[in-house]
Amino acid sequence: MIVYPKNQEQWALLARFLNEYAHVQPSADLKVMAYVTGQNRVLMVVGFNAFMGSVAQIHIAFAPGEHYTPKAMLPAVFNHGFNDFNRKKLIGIVNSKNERAMKYDLHLGFVEEYRMPGMHDDGGDIVILSMTKEQCRYLENADGTERRVA
């Protein structure tokens, strides 16, 4: 089930998850959501922050050993990022050496916008990926049908 924190304690728990598994430093503007199993196990956490103009940064973290996204999560994530927060573009910043994250983000439909060669702490490239609302295939059309993006 998709969970949004109802209080500061829940927010802190999800922010710690993002920090531990995606190295995201909690910030005052961090908005989080999670997918929790029926056994109250957090499967994944998604965070949004750095709200600038019509852009926000997105962060995705999975629990150890988990590598899939529940089907209901993607429409909720992108509806939250684009519609609830009224953003036109989401950006993700990834270390090029994190092949799993790069593959996952590109599979979601993010595109490489900029690359800073050798600028990550471990010598990898810092890659800025982005997705516009128009590029997002997880949002529904106004008539409730699934959007198809080439």
Protein backbone atom coordinates (compact mmCIF):
# COMPACT_ATOMS: atom_id res chain seq x y z
CA MET A 1 0.00 0.00 0.00
CA ILE A 2 1.13 3.55 -0.70
CA VAL A 3 1.82 5.56 2.44
CA TYR A 4 2.29 9.28 2.99
CA PRO A 5 3.63 10.33 6.42
CA LYS A 6 0.97 11.58 8.80
CA ASN A 7 3.31 13.06 11.38
CA GLN A 8 6.91 14.10 12.00
CA GLU A 9 7.87 10.68 13.35
CA GLN A 10 6.72 8.90 10.18
CA TRP A 11 8.42 11.54 8.01
CA ALA A 12 11.68 11.05 9.94
CA LEU A 13 11.49 7.27 9.51
CA LEU A 14 11.07 7.58 5.73
CA ALA A 15 13.75 10.29 5.51
CA ARG A 16 16.19 7.98 7.35
CA PHE A 17 15.35 5.21 4.87
CA LEU A 18 16.19 7.53 1.96
CA ASN A 19 19.40 8.55 3.68
CA GLU A 20 20.48 4.99 4.42
CA TYR A 21 19.68 3.45 1.04
CA ALA A 22 20.06 6.38 -1.39
CA HIS A 23 22.37 8.71 0.58
CA VAL A 24 19.81 11.53 0.44
CA GLN A 25 20.39 14.18 3.08
CA PRO A 26 17.03 15.14 4.58
CA SER A 27 16.11 18.77 3.93
CA ALA A 28 13.34 21.01 5.19
CA ASP A 29 11.52 20.77 1.84
CA LEU A 30 11.76 16.97 1.53
CA LYS A 31 8.39 15.36 0.73
CA VAL A 32 8.27 11.56 1.01
CA MET A 33 6.01 8.65 0.14
CA ALA A 34 6.52 4.91 0.53
CA TYR A 35 5.26 1.54 -0.51
CA VAL A 36 4.66 -0.67 2.51
CA THR A 37 3.79 -4.39 2.35
CA GLY A 38 0.94 -5.99 4.25
CA GLN A 39 3.49 -6.99 6.89
CA ASN A 40 4.38 -3.30 7.46
CA ARG A 41 7.74 -3.71 5.71
CA VAL A 42 8.91 -0.67 3.78
CA LEU A 43 9.67 -1.81 0.25
CA MET A 44 10.63 1.51 -1.30
CA VAL A 45 10.65 5.22 -0.51
CA VAL A 46 10.43 8.09 -2.97
CA GLY A 47 11.37 11.61 -2.01
CA PHE A 48 11.04 14.98 -3.70
CA ASN A 49 12.97 18.13 -2.80
CA ALA A 50 14.89 21.05 -4.30
CA PHE A 51 11.69 22.64 -5.56
CA MET A 52 12.92 25.36 -7.94
CA GLY A 53 10.54 27.05 -10.33
CA SER A 54 8.77 24.27 -12.20
CA VAL A 55 11.38 21.61 -11.32
CA ALA A 56 11.87 19.22 -8.41
CA GLN A 57 14.48 16.58 -7.69
CA ILE A 58 13.30 12.99 -7.23
CA HIS A 59 15.01 10.29 -5.16
CA ILE A 60 14.17 6.58 -5.16
CA ALA A 61 15.41 4.06 -2.58
CA PHE A 62 14.66 0.35 -2.32
CA ALA A 63 14.90 -1.89 0.73
CA PRO A 64 17.89 -4.27 0.60
CA GLY A 65 17.22 -7.15 -1.76
CA GLU A 66 14.27 -5.45 -3.46
CA HIS A 67 14.56 -4.52 -7.11
CA TYR A 68 11.04 -4.02 -8.40
CA THR A 69 8.43 -1.31 -8.21
CA PRO A 70 4.83 -2.28 -7.37
CA LYS A 71 2.58 -1.44 -10.32
CA ALA A 72 0.44 1.00 -8.31
CA MET A 73 3.47 2.97 -7.18
CA LEU A 74 4.57 4.53 -10.48
CA PRO A 75 1.32 6.36 -11.32
CA ALA A 76 1.17 7.59 -7.71
CA VAL A 77 4.79 8.78 -7.74
CA PHE A 78 4.52 10.71 -10.98
CA ASN A 79 1.06 12.09 -10.22
CA HIS A 80 2.48 13.34 -6.92
CA GLY A 81 5.56 14.86 -8.56
CA PHE A 82 3.90 16.46 -11.55
CA ASN A 83 0.33 17.19 -10.49
CA ASP A 84 0.24 17.46 -6.69
CA PHE A 85 3.42 19.56 -6.66
CA ASN A 86 2.61 21.25 -9.99
CA ARG A 87 6.06 20.54 -11.48
CA LYS A 88 6.82 20.44 -15.20
CA LYS A 89 10.10 18.54 -14.89
CA LEU A 90 11.60 16.05 -12.44
CA ILE A 91 15.35 15.57 -12.25
CA GLY A 92 17.44 12.79 -10.81
CA ILE A 93 21.16 12.96 -10.13
CA VAL A 94 22.94 9.62 -10.48
CA ASN A 95 26.51 8.33 -10.27
CA SER A 96 27.30 6.75 -13.66
CA LYS A 97 28.96 3.85 -11.81
CA ASN A 98 25.62 2.98 -10.21
CA GLU A 99 24.58 0.88 -13.19
CA ARG A 100 21.42 -0.45 -11.53
CA ALA A 101 20.13 3.08 -10.83
CA MET A 102 21.04 4.29 -14.31
CA LYS A 103 19.27 1.35 -15.96
CA TYR A 104 16.20 1.73 -13.73
CA ASP A 105 15.86 5.48 -14.28
CA LEU A 106 16.31 5.21 -18.04
CA HIS A 107 13.74 2.38 -18.11
CA LEU A 108 11.28 4.66 -16.29
CA GLY A 109 11.67 7.17 -19.12
CA PHE A 110 14.19 9.63 -17.73
CA VAL A 111 16.64 10.98 -20.30
CA GLU A 112 20.21 12.12 -19.83
CA GLU A 113 20.29 15.88 -19.80
CA TYR A 114 23.83 16.60 -18.63
CA ARG A 115 26.96 14.68 -17.61
CA MET A 116 29.87 15.91 -15.50
CA PRO A 117 32.72 13.50 -16.26
CA GLY A 118 34.70 12.26 -13.25
CA MET A 119 32.99 14.57 -10.76
CA HIS A 120 31.54 11.93 -8.39
CA ASP A 121 33.54 11.15 -5.24
CA ASP A 122 34.52 7.71 -6.59
CA GLY A 123 35.54 9.01 -10.02
CA GLY A 124 32.25 8.23 -11.74
CA ASP A 125 30.39 10.80 -13.76
CA ILE A 126 27.58 12.79 -12.18
CA VAL A 127 24.65 12.33 -14.55
CA ILE A 128 21.61 14.59 -14.47
CA LEU A 129 18.55 12.79 -15.75
CA SER A 130 15.22 14.46 -16.39
CA MET A 131 11.64 13.75 -17.31
CA THR A 132 9.02 16.29 -18.31
CA LYS A 133 5.34 15.86 -17.61
CA GLU A 134 4.78 15.36 -21.36
CA GLN A 135 7.38 12.56 -21.46
CA CYS A 136 5.86 10.69 -18.51
CA ARG A 137 4.01 7.55 -19.54
CA TYR A 138 2.66 6.85 -16.04
CA LEU A 139 0.16 9.70 -15.93
CA GLU A 140 -3.40 9.23 -17.10
CA ASN A 141 -5.03 11.23 -19.86
CA ALA A 142 -7.90 13.54 -18.93
CA ASP A 143 -10.37 10.76 -19.87
CA GLY A 144 -8.72 8.33 -17.41
CA THR A 145 -6.95 6.22 -20.05
CA GLU A 146 -3.27 5.38 -19.74
CA ARG A 147 -0.97 7.78 -21.55
CA ARG A 148 1.15 6.35 -24.34
CA VAL A 149 4.45 8.08 -24.98
CA ALA A 150 6.69 7.07 -27.88
